[in-house]
Amino acid sequence: MRRTLVILASLACLSGPTLAATTDAGQTYDLLFRQGTLDSVGTDRTLTYSREVSNTASAEGTERADNDTGTIALSFDEGAGDRPLQANLQFLQDGKHRNMGSFPASVGNPMIMVFYESVIRDMAQSAGGSPYYIRNRVKDALVQPAQIETGTAEVDGTTVDTRTVTLRPFETDPNRDRMAGWADLELRVTMSEAVPGWYVALEAEAPDAEGDGPVYLSTMRFDGLSAQ
């Protein structure tokens, strides 16, 4: 519960939406996986994101959530020869770090892929479903019309304009009753032109059926830009 409160408190600076609309199918994907979002970030800089996870679906889920709560650092590697510029991700926790992979920086910010893949993994492990089925439902949602809201957020003491896309990939799924409380999973991505790397916050929430708070809550939130 303490971790859940910390997550919710960190999101309090996201102001309520001022306008709700619906994207068309192509716009949903283009917004979420926008290309060139790292082009304006200097290669001598590091983007950092806080990552908070709460999972009360099982004791194993709680343990995994503890292990997944920390900081993600995105730095750049220009490589040698014709190798394209790489965006390297590292997970930092309690003075330790582990590599999360390298991705072509020209494609865009890989945080969006890390977010979706981590939620798919967590749902498959907690609900006992097939990760392939879950991934396919999420992929389908990415190319469907989706709810989009405009609003504002406070980042480093500055108010920035935002857009938030919300996906509910299992809202009409025929297997909802077999998803162990994850059928109402909601995926929200908040983006801003004014924030380096494009993403302000990436959130996933599966509400508890009894109304006692979310059974699963995962948030990746932009922390800042610093020298490498």
C-alpha atoms as a PDB file:
ATOM      1  CA  MET A   1       0.000   0.000   0.000  1.00  0.00           C
ATOM      2  CA  ARG A   2       2.860   2.406   0.801  1.00  0.00           C
ATOM      3  CA  ARG A   3       4.303   1.983  -2.683  1.00  0.00           C
ATOM      4  CA  THR A   4       0.895   2.523  -4.252  1.00  0.00           C
ATOM      5  CA  LEU A   5       0.526   5.805  -2.369  1.00  0.00           C
ATOM      6  CA  VAL A   6       3.974   6.897  -3.547  1.00  0.00           C
ATOM      7  CA  ILE A   7       3.006   6.212  -7.155  1.00  0.00           C
ATOM      8  CA  LEU A   8      -0.269   8.092  -6.861  1.00  0.00           C
ATOM      9  CA  ALA A   9       1.447  11.036  -5.210  1.00  0.00           C
ATOM     10  CA  SER A  10       3.972  11.237  -8.043  1.00  0.00           C
ATOM     11  CA  LEU A  11       1.130  11.487 -10.535  1.00  0.00           C
ATOM     12  CA  ALA A  12      -0.637  14.285  -8.703  1.00  0.00           C
ATOM     13  CA  CYS A  13       1.215  16.896 -10.747  1.00  0.00           C
ATOM     14  CA  LEU A  14      -0.545  15.668 -13.883  1.00  0.00           C
ATOM     15  CA  SER A  15      -3.459  18.048 -14.270  1.00  0.00           C
ATOM     16  CA  GLY A  16      -6.889  16.831 -15.277  1.00  0.00           C
ATOM     17  CA  PRO A  17      -7.619  16.682 -19.000  1.00  0.00           C
ATOM     18  CA  THR A  18      -9.179  19.717 -20.608  1.00  0.00           C
ATOM     19  CA  LEU A  19     -10.431  18.062 -23.802  1.00  0.00           C
ATOM     20  CA  ALA A  20     -11.289  14.473 -24.678  1.00  0.00           C
ATOM     21  CA  ALA A  21     -11.462  13.134 -28.201  1.00  0.00           C
ATOM     22  CA  THR A  22     -10.746   9.982 -30.182  1.00  0.00           C
ATOM     23  CA  THR A  23      -7.745   9.297 -32.382  1.00  0.00           C
ATOM     24  CA  ASP A  24      -8.062   7.515 -35.672  1.00  0.00           C
ATOM     25  CA  ALA A  25      -6.255   4.186 -36.005  1.00  0.00           C
ATOM     26  CA  GLY A  26      -3.124   5.551 -37.653  1.00  0.00           C
ATOM     27  CA  GLN A  27      -2.858   8.485 -35.272  1.00  0.00           C
ATOM     28  CA  THR A  28      -2.878   6.204 -32.232  1.00  0.00           C
ATOM     29  CA  TYR A  29       0.222   4.337 -33.340  1.00  0.00           C
ATOM     30  CA  ASP A  30       2.008   7.404 -34.699  1.00  0.00           C
ATOM     31  CA  LEU A  31       1.572   9.287 -31.428  1.00  0.00           C
ATOM     32  CA  LEU A  32       2.664   6.427 -29.190  1.00  0.00           C
ATOM     33  CA  PHE A  33       5.622   5.332 -31.322  1.00  0.00           C
ATOM     34  CA  ARG A  34       6.580   8.739 -32.620  1.00  0.00           C
ATOM     35  CA  GLN A  35       9.833   8.696 -34.567  1.00  0.00           C
ATOM     36  CA  GLY A  36      12.666  11.151 -34.025  1.00  0.00           C
ATOM     37  CA  THR A  37      11.841  11.828 -30.375  1.00  0.00           C
ATOM     38  CA  LEU A  38      15.533  11.522 -29.403  1.00  0.00           C
ATOM     39  CA  ASP A  39      16.889  13.656 -32.264  1.00  0.00           C
ATOM     40  CA  SER A  40      16.954  16.867 -30.208  1.00  0.00           C
ATOM     41  CA  VAL A  41      18.596  15.246 -27.167  1.00  0.00           C
ATOM     42  CA  GLY A  42      22.356  15.749 -27.094  1.00  0.00           C
ATOM     43  CA  THR A  43      24.355  12.543 -27.299  1.00  0.00           C
ATOM     44  CA  ASP A  44      26.275  13.650 -24.194  1.00  0.00           C
ATOM     45  CA  ARG A  45      23.062  13.664 -22.158  1.00  0.00           C
ATOM     46  CA  THR A  46      21.210  11.034 -20.142  1.00  0.00           C
ATOM     47  CA  LEU A  47      17.438  10.803 -19.781  1.00  0.00           C
ATOM     48  CA  THR A  48      16.221   9.304 -16.506  1.00  0.00           C
ATOM     49  CA  TYR A  49      12.847   7.810 -15.624  1.00  0.00           C
ATOM     50  CA  SER A  50      11.550   6.692 -12.253  1.00  0.00           C
ATOM     51  CA  ARG A  51       9.843   3.313 -12.286  1.00  0.00           C
ATOM     52  CA  GLU A  52       7.331   2.300  -9.605  1.00  0.00           C
ATOM     53  CA  VAL A  53       5.487  -1.009  -9.634  1.00  0.00           C
ATOM     54  CA  SER A  54       2.839  -2.399  -7.282  1.00  0.00           C
ATOM     55  CA  ASN A  55       1.398  -5.889  -7.827  1.00  0.00           C
ATOM     56  CA  THR A  56      -0.781  -7.475  -5.159  1.00  0.00           C
ATOM     57  CA  ALA A  57      -2.067 -10.306  -7.365  1.00  0.00           C
ATOM     58  CA  SER A  58       0.302 -12.777  -5.695  1.00  0.00           C
ATOM     59  CA  ALA A  59       3.326 -13.013  -3.406  1.00  0.00           C
ATOM     60  CA  GLU A  60       5.469 -13.614  -6.492  1.00  0.00           C
ATOM     61  CA  GLY A  61       3.969 -10.539  -8.126  1.00  0.00           C
ATOM     62  CA  THR A  62       4.801  -8.421  -5.091  1.00  0.00           C
ATOM     63  CA  GLU A  63       8.388  -9.654  -5.128  1.00  0.00           C
ATOM     64  CA  ARG A  64       8.753  -8.910  -8.832  1.00  0.00           C
ATOM     65  CA  ALA A  65       7.296  -5.437  -8.278  1.00  0.00           C
ATOM     66  CA  ASP A  66       9.952  -4.738  -5.632  1.00  0.00           C
ATOM     67  CA  ASN A  67      12.665  -5.892  -8.024  1.00  0.00           C
ATOM     68  CA  ASP A  68      11.285  -3.723 -10.842  1.00  0.00           C
ATOM     69  CA  THR A  69      11.029  -0.487  -8.843  1.00  0.00           C
ATOM     70  CA  GLY A  70      13.983   1.821  -9.445  1.00  0.00           C
ATOM     71  CA  THR A  71      15.394   4.140 -12.117  1.00  0.00           C
ATOM     72  CA  ILE A  72      15.857   3.654 -15.845  1.00  0.00           C
ATOM     73  CA  ALA A  73      18.683   5.626 -17.481  1.00  0.00           C
ATOM     74  CA  LEU A  74      18.834   6.202 -21.234  1.00  0.00           C
ATOM     75  CA  SER A  75      22.259   7.173 -22.577  1.00  0.00           C
ATOM     76  CA  PHE A  76      23.805   7.226 -26.042  1.00  0.00           C
ATOM     77  CA  ASP A  77      26.613   5.331 -27.748  1.00  0.00           C
ATOM     78  CA  GLU A  78      27.857   6.663 -31.081  1.00  0.00           C
ATOM     79  CA  GLY A  79      29.689   3.399 -31.764  1.00  0.00           C
ATOM     80  CA  ALA A  80      32.357   2.987 -34.381  1.00  0.00           C
ATOM     81  CA  GLY A  81      32.420   2.942 -38.169  1.00  0.00           C
ATOM     82  CA  ASP A  82      29.004   2.795 -39.784  1.00  0.00           C
ATOM     83  CA  ARG A  83      27.227   1.626 -36.632  1.00  0.00           C
ATOM     84  CA  PRO A  84      24.191   3.882 -36.048  1.00  0.00           C
ATOM     85  CA  LEU A  85      23.764   5.868 -32.871  1.00  0.00           C
ATOM     86  CA  GLN A  86      22.424   3.606 -30.113  1.00  0.00           C
ATOM     87  CA  ALA A  87      20.150   4.391 -27.169  1.00  0.00           C
ATOM     88  CA  ASN A  88      21.301   2.258 -24.240  1.00  0.00           C
ATOM     89  CA  LEU A  89      18.981   1.492 -21.324  1.00  0.00           C
ATOM     90  CA  GLN A  90      20.136   0.588 -17.817  1.00  0.00           C
ATOM     91  CA  PHE A  91      18.039  -0.249 -14.772  1.00  0.00           C
ATOM     92  CA  LEU A  92      19.396   1.181 -11.510  1.00  0.00           C
ATOM     93  CA  GLN A  93      18.420   0.029  -8.037  1.00  0.00           C
ATOM     94  CA  ASP A  94      20.222   0.275  -4.687  1.00  0.00           C
ATOM     95  CA  GLY A  95      23.607   1.037  -6.218  1.00  0.00           C
ATOM     96  CA  LYS A  96      23.388  -1.834  -8.705  1.00  0.00           C
ATOM     97  CA  HIS A  97      22.632  -1.753 -12.406  1.00  0.00           C
ATOM     98  CA  ARG A  98      21.734  -4.108 -15.221  1.00  0.00           C
ATOM     99  CA  ASN A  99      21.595  -3.546 -18.948  1.00  0.00           C
ATOM    100  CA  MET A 100      18.146  -3.546 -20.536  1.00  0.00           C
ATOM    101  CA  GLY A 101      19.280  -3.445 -24.163  1.00  0.00           C
ATOM    102  CA  SER A 102      20.393  -1.132 -26.950  1.00  0.00           C
ATOM    103  CA  PHE A 103      18.162   0.307 -29.653  1.00  0.00           C
ATOM    104  CA  PRO A 104      18.725   2.476 -32.760  1.00  0.00           C
ATOM    105  CA  ALA A 105      18.251   6.033 -31.526  1.00  0.00           C
ATOM    106  CA  SER A 106      16.922   7.182 -34.905  1.00  0.00           C
ATOM    107  CA  VAL A 107      13.758   5.109 -34.474  1.00  0.00           C
ATOM    108  CA  GLY A 108      12.594   6.934 -31.343  1.00  0.00           C
ATOM    109  CA  ASN A 109      12.516   6.563 -27.584  1.00  0.00           C
ATOM    110  CA  PRO A 110      12.584   2.831 -26.639  1.00  0.00           C
ATOM    111  CA  MET A 111      10.878   3.524 -23.303  1.00  0.00           C
ATOM    112  CA  ILE A 112       7.521   2.866 -24.978  1.00  0.00           C
ATOM    113  CA  MET A 113       8.605  -0.668 -25.914  1.00  0.00           C
ATOM    114  CA  VAL A 114       9.972  -1.343 -22.437  1.00  0.00           C
ATOM    115  CA  PHE A 115       6.699  -0.167 -20.933  1.00  0.00           C
ATOM    116  CA  TYR A 116       4.409  -2.363 -23.008  1.00  0.00           C
ATOM    117  CA  GLU A 117       6.635  -5.441 -22.797  1.00  0.00           C
ATOM    118  CA  SER A 118       6.936  -5.161 -19.007  1.00  0.00           C
ATOM    119  CA  VAL A 119       3.148  -4.941 -18.619  1.00  0.00           C
ATOM    120  CA  ILE A 120       2.627  -7.916 -20.942  1.00  0.00           C
ATOM    121  CA  ARG A 121       5.120  -9.956 -18.909  1.00  0.00           C
ATOM    122  CA  ASP A 122       3.579  -8.958 -15.579  1.00  0.00           C
ATOM    123  CA  MET A 123       0.063  -9.777 -16.738  1.00  0.00           C
ATOM    124  CA  ALA A 124       1.087 -13.155 -18.172  1.00  0.00           C
ATOM    125  CA  GLN A 125       2.892 -14.115 -14.973  1.00  0.00           C
ATOM    126  CA  SER A 126       0.139 -12.941 -12.622  1.00  0.00           C
ATOM    127  CA  ALA A 127      -2.945 -13.978 -14.605  1.00  0.00           C
ATOM    128  CA  GLY A 128      -1.442 -17.166 -15.963  1.00  0.00           C
ATOM    129  CA  GLY A 129      -2.286 -16.349 -19.563  1.00  0.00           C
ATOM    130  CA  SER A 130      -0.286 -16.710 -22.745  1.00  0.00           C
ATOM    131  CA  PRO A 131       2.111 -13.789 -23.293  1.00  0.00           C
ATOM    132  CA  TYR A 132       1.605 -14.244 -27.042  1.00  0.00           C
ATOM    133  CA  TYR A 133      -2.151 -13.803 -26.733  1.00  0.00           C
ATOM    134  CA  ILE A 134      -1.748 -10.782 -24.446  1.00  0.00           C
ATOM    135  CA  ARG A 135       0.852  -9.206 -26.731  1.00  0.00           C
ATOM    136  CA  ASN A 136      -1.371  -9.666 -29.772  1.00  0.00           C
ATOM    137  CA  ARG A 137      -4.325  -7.995 -28.028  1.00  0.00           C
ATOM    138  CA  VAL A 138      -2.119  -5.051 -27.048  1.00  0.00           C
ATOM    139  CA  LYS A 139      -0.750  -4.817 -30.611  1.00  0.00           C
ATOM    140  CA  ASP A 140      -4.305  -4.783 -31.940  1.00  0.00           C
ATOM    141  CA  ALA A 141      -5.182  -1.917 -29.579  1.00  0.00           C
ATOM    142  CA  LEU A 142      -2.232   0.106 -30.865  1.00  0.00           C
ATOM    143  CA  VAL A 143      -3.766   0.328 -34.333  1.00  0.00           C
ATOM    144  CA  GLN A 144      -7.341   1.058 -33.265  1.00  0.00           C
ATOM    145  CA  PRO A 145      -9.039   4.400 -32.530  1.00  0.00           C
ATOM    146  CA  ALA A 146      -8.293   5.383 -28.926  1.00  0.00           C
ATOM    147  CA  GLN A 147      -9.261   7.933 -26.327  1.00  0.00           C
ATOM    148  CA  ILE A 148      -7.008  11.010 -26.321  1.00  0.00           C
ATOM    149  CA  GLU A 149      -7.103  13.865 -23.810  1.00  0.00           C
ATOM    150  CA  THR A 150      -5.261  17.163 -23.733  1.00  0.00           C
ATOM    151  CA  GLY A 151      -4.097  18.651 -20.466  1.00  0.00           C
ATOM    152  CA  THR A 152      -1.051  19.973 -18.661  1.00  0.00           C
ATOM    153  CA  ALA A 153       1.649  18.590 -16.382  1.00  0.00           C
ATOM    154  CA  GLU A 154       4.324  20.166 -14.219  1.00  0.00           C
ATOM    155  CA  VAL A 155       7.828  19.062 -15.199  1.00  0.00           C
ATOM    156  CA  ASP A 156      10.842  20.520 -13.391  1.00  0.00           C
ATOM    157  CA  GLY A 157       8.696  23.387 -12.138  1.00  0.00           C
ATOM    158  CA  THR A 158       7.379  24.244 -15.597  1.00  0.00           C
ATOM    159  CA  THR A 159       3.826  23.647 -16.802  1.00  0.00           C
ATOM    160  CA  VAL A 160       3.775  21.885 -20.174  1.00  0.00           C
ATOM    161  CA  ASP A 161       0.956  20.964 -22.540  1.00  0.00           C
ATOM    162  CA  THR A 162       0.296  17.243 -22.779  1.00  0.00           C
ATOM    163  CA  ARG A 163      -1.649  14.642 -24.700  1.00  0.00           C
ATOM    164  CA  THR A 164      -2.682  11.360 -23.065  1.00  0.00           C
ATOM    165  CA  VAL A 165      -3.666   8.283 -25.065  1.00  0.00           C
ATOM    166  CA  THR A 166      -5.602   5.595 -23.177  1.00  0.00           C
ATOM    167  CA  LEU A 167      -5.908   1.995 -24.357  1.00  0.00           C
ATOM    168  CA  ARG A 168      -8.152  -0.728 -22.913  1.00  0.00           C
ATOM    169  CA  PRO A 169      -6.974  -3.773 -24.865  1.00  0.00           C
ATOM    170  CA  PHE A 170      -9.293  -6.321 -23.197  1.00  0.00           C
ATOM    171  CA  GLU A 171     -12.460  -4.224 -22.939  1.00  0.00           C
ATOM    172  CA  THR A 172     -14.365  -6.437 -25.391  1.00  0.00           C
ATOM    173  CA  ASP A 173     -12.185  -9.539 -25.219  1.00  0.00           C
ATOM    174  CA  PRO A 174     -14.196 -12.799 -25.274  1.00  0.00           C
ATOM    175  CA  ASN A 175     -11.869 -14.262 -22.625  1.00  0.00           C
ATOM    176  CA  ARG A 176     -12.333 -11.467 -20.078  1.00  0.00           C
ATOM    177  CA  ASP A 177     -13.689 -13.828 -17.425  1.00  0.00           C
ATOM    178  CA  ARG A 178     -10.462 -15.856 -17.507  1.00  0.00           C
ATOM    179  CA  MET A 179      -8.102 -12.931 -16.898  1.00  0.00           C
ATOM    180  CA  ALA A 180      -7.968 -13.050 -13.101  1.00  0.00           C
ATOM    181  CA  GLY A 181      -8.865  -9.375 -12.578  1.00  0.00           C
ATOM    182  CA  TRP A 182      -6.797  -8.013 -15.456  1.00  0.00           C
ATOM    183  CA  ALA A 183      -9.671  -7.666 -17.951  1.00  0.00           C
ATOM    184  CA  ASP A 184     -10.042  -3.944 -17.185  1.00  0.00           C
ATOM    185  CA  LEU A 185      -6.348  -3.191 -17.628  1.00  0.00           C
ATOM    186  CA  GLU A 186      -5.876   0.414 -18.734  1.00  0.00           C
ATOM    187  CA  LEU A 187      -2.724   1.683 -20.454  1.00  0.00           C
ATOM    188  CA  ARG A 188      -2.111   5.450 -20.417  1.00  0.00           C
ATOM    189  CA  VAL A 189       0.742   7.280 -22.126  1.00  0.00           C
ATOM    190  CA  THR A 190       1.184  11.014 -21.538  1.00  0.00           C
ATOM    191  CA  MET A 191       3.349  12.892 -24.043  1.00  0.00           C
ATOM    192  CA  SER A 192       4.601  16.451 -24.514  1.00  0.00           C
ATOM    193  CA  GLU A 193       6.536  18.306 -27.186  1.00  0.00           C
ATOM    194  CA  ALA A 194       8.247  20.236 -24.373  1.00  0.00           C
ATOM    195  CA  VAL A 195       9.704  17.168 -22.622  1.00  0.00           C
ATOM    196  CA  PRO A 196      12.976  15.632 -23.873  1.00  0.00           C
ATOM    197  CA  GLY A 197      12.280  12.167 -25.199  1.00  0.00           C
ATOM    198  CA  TRP A 198       8.530  12.893 -25.665  1.00  0.00           C
ATOM    199  CA  TYR A 199       7.158  10.752 -22.797  1.00  0.00           C
ATOM    200  CA  VAL A 200       6.012  12.401 -19.567  1.00  0.00           C
ATOM    201  CA  ALA A 201       4.499   9.271 -17.984  1.00  0.00           C
ATOM    202  CA  LEU A 202       3.614   5.723 -18.983  1.00  0.00           C
ATOM    203  CA  GLU A 203       1.063   4.094 -16.688  1.00  0.00           C
ATOM    204  CA  ALA A 204      -0.679   0.729 -16.493  1.00  0.00           C
ATOM    205  CA  GLU A 205      -3.467   0.008 -14.019  1.00  0.00           C
ATOM    206  CA  ALA A 206      -5.643  -3.032 -13.346  1.00  0.00           C
ATOM    207  CA  PRO A 207      -8.375  -2.117 -10.829  1.00  0.00           C
ATOM    208  CA  ASP A 208      -9.309  -4.412  -7.975  1.00  0.00           C
ATOM    209  CA  ALA A 209     -12.755  -5.980  -8.388  1.00  0.00           C
ATOM    210  CA  GLU A 210     -13.619  -5.139  -4.773  1.00  0.00           C
ATOM    211  CA  GLY A 211     -12.744  -1.485  -5.191  1.00  0.00           C
ATOM    212  CA  ASP A 212      -9.850  -1.601  -2.726  1.00  0.00           C
ATOM    213  CA  GLY A 213      -7.379   0.050  -5.069  1.00  0.00           C
ATOM    214  CA  PRO A 214      -5.540  -1.329  -8.099  1.00  0.00           C
ATOM    215  CA  VAL A 215      -4.324  -4.921  -8.050  1.00  0.00           C
ATOM    216  CA  TYR A 216      -1.580  -3.775 -10.425  1.00  0.00           C
ATOM    217  CA  LEU A 217      -0.080  -0.342 -10.969  1.00  0.00           C
ATOM    218  CA  SER A 218       3.033   0.405 -12.991  1.00  0.00           C
ATOM    219  CA  THR A 219       4.374   3.872 -13.711  1.00  0.00           C
ATOM    220  CA  MET A 220       7.399   5.062 -15.645  1.00  0.00           C
ATOM    221  CA  ARG A 221       7.807   8.812 -15.249  1.00  0.00           C
ATOM    222  CA  PHE A 222      10.287  11.271 -16.762  1.00  0.00           C
ATOM    223  CA  ASP A 223      12.695  12.459 -14.077  1.00  0.00           C
ATOM    224  CA  GLY A 224      15.098  14.690 -15.918  1.00  0.00           C
ATOM    225  CA  LEU A 225      17.953  15.296 -18.323  1.00  0.00           C
ATOM    226  CA  SER A 226      21.546  15.345 -17.111  1.00  0.00           C
ATOM    227  CA  ALA A 227      25.125  15.186 -18.375  1.00  0.00           C
ATOM    228  CA  GLN A 228      26.301  11.691 -19.194  1.00  0.00           C
END
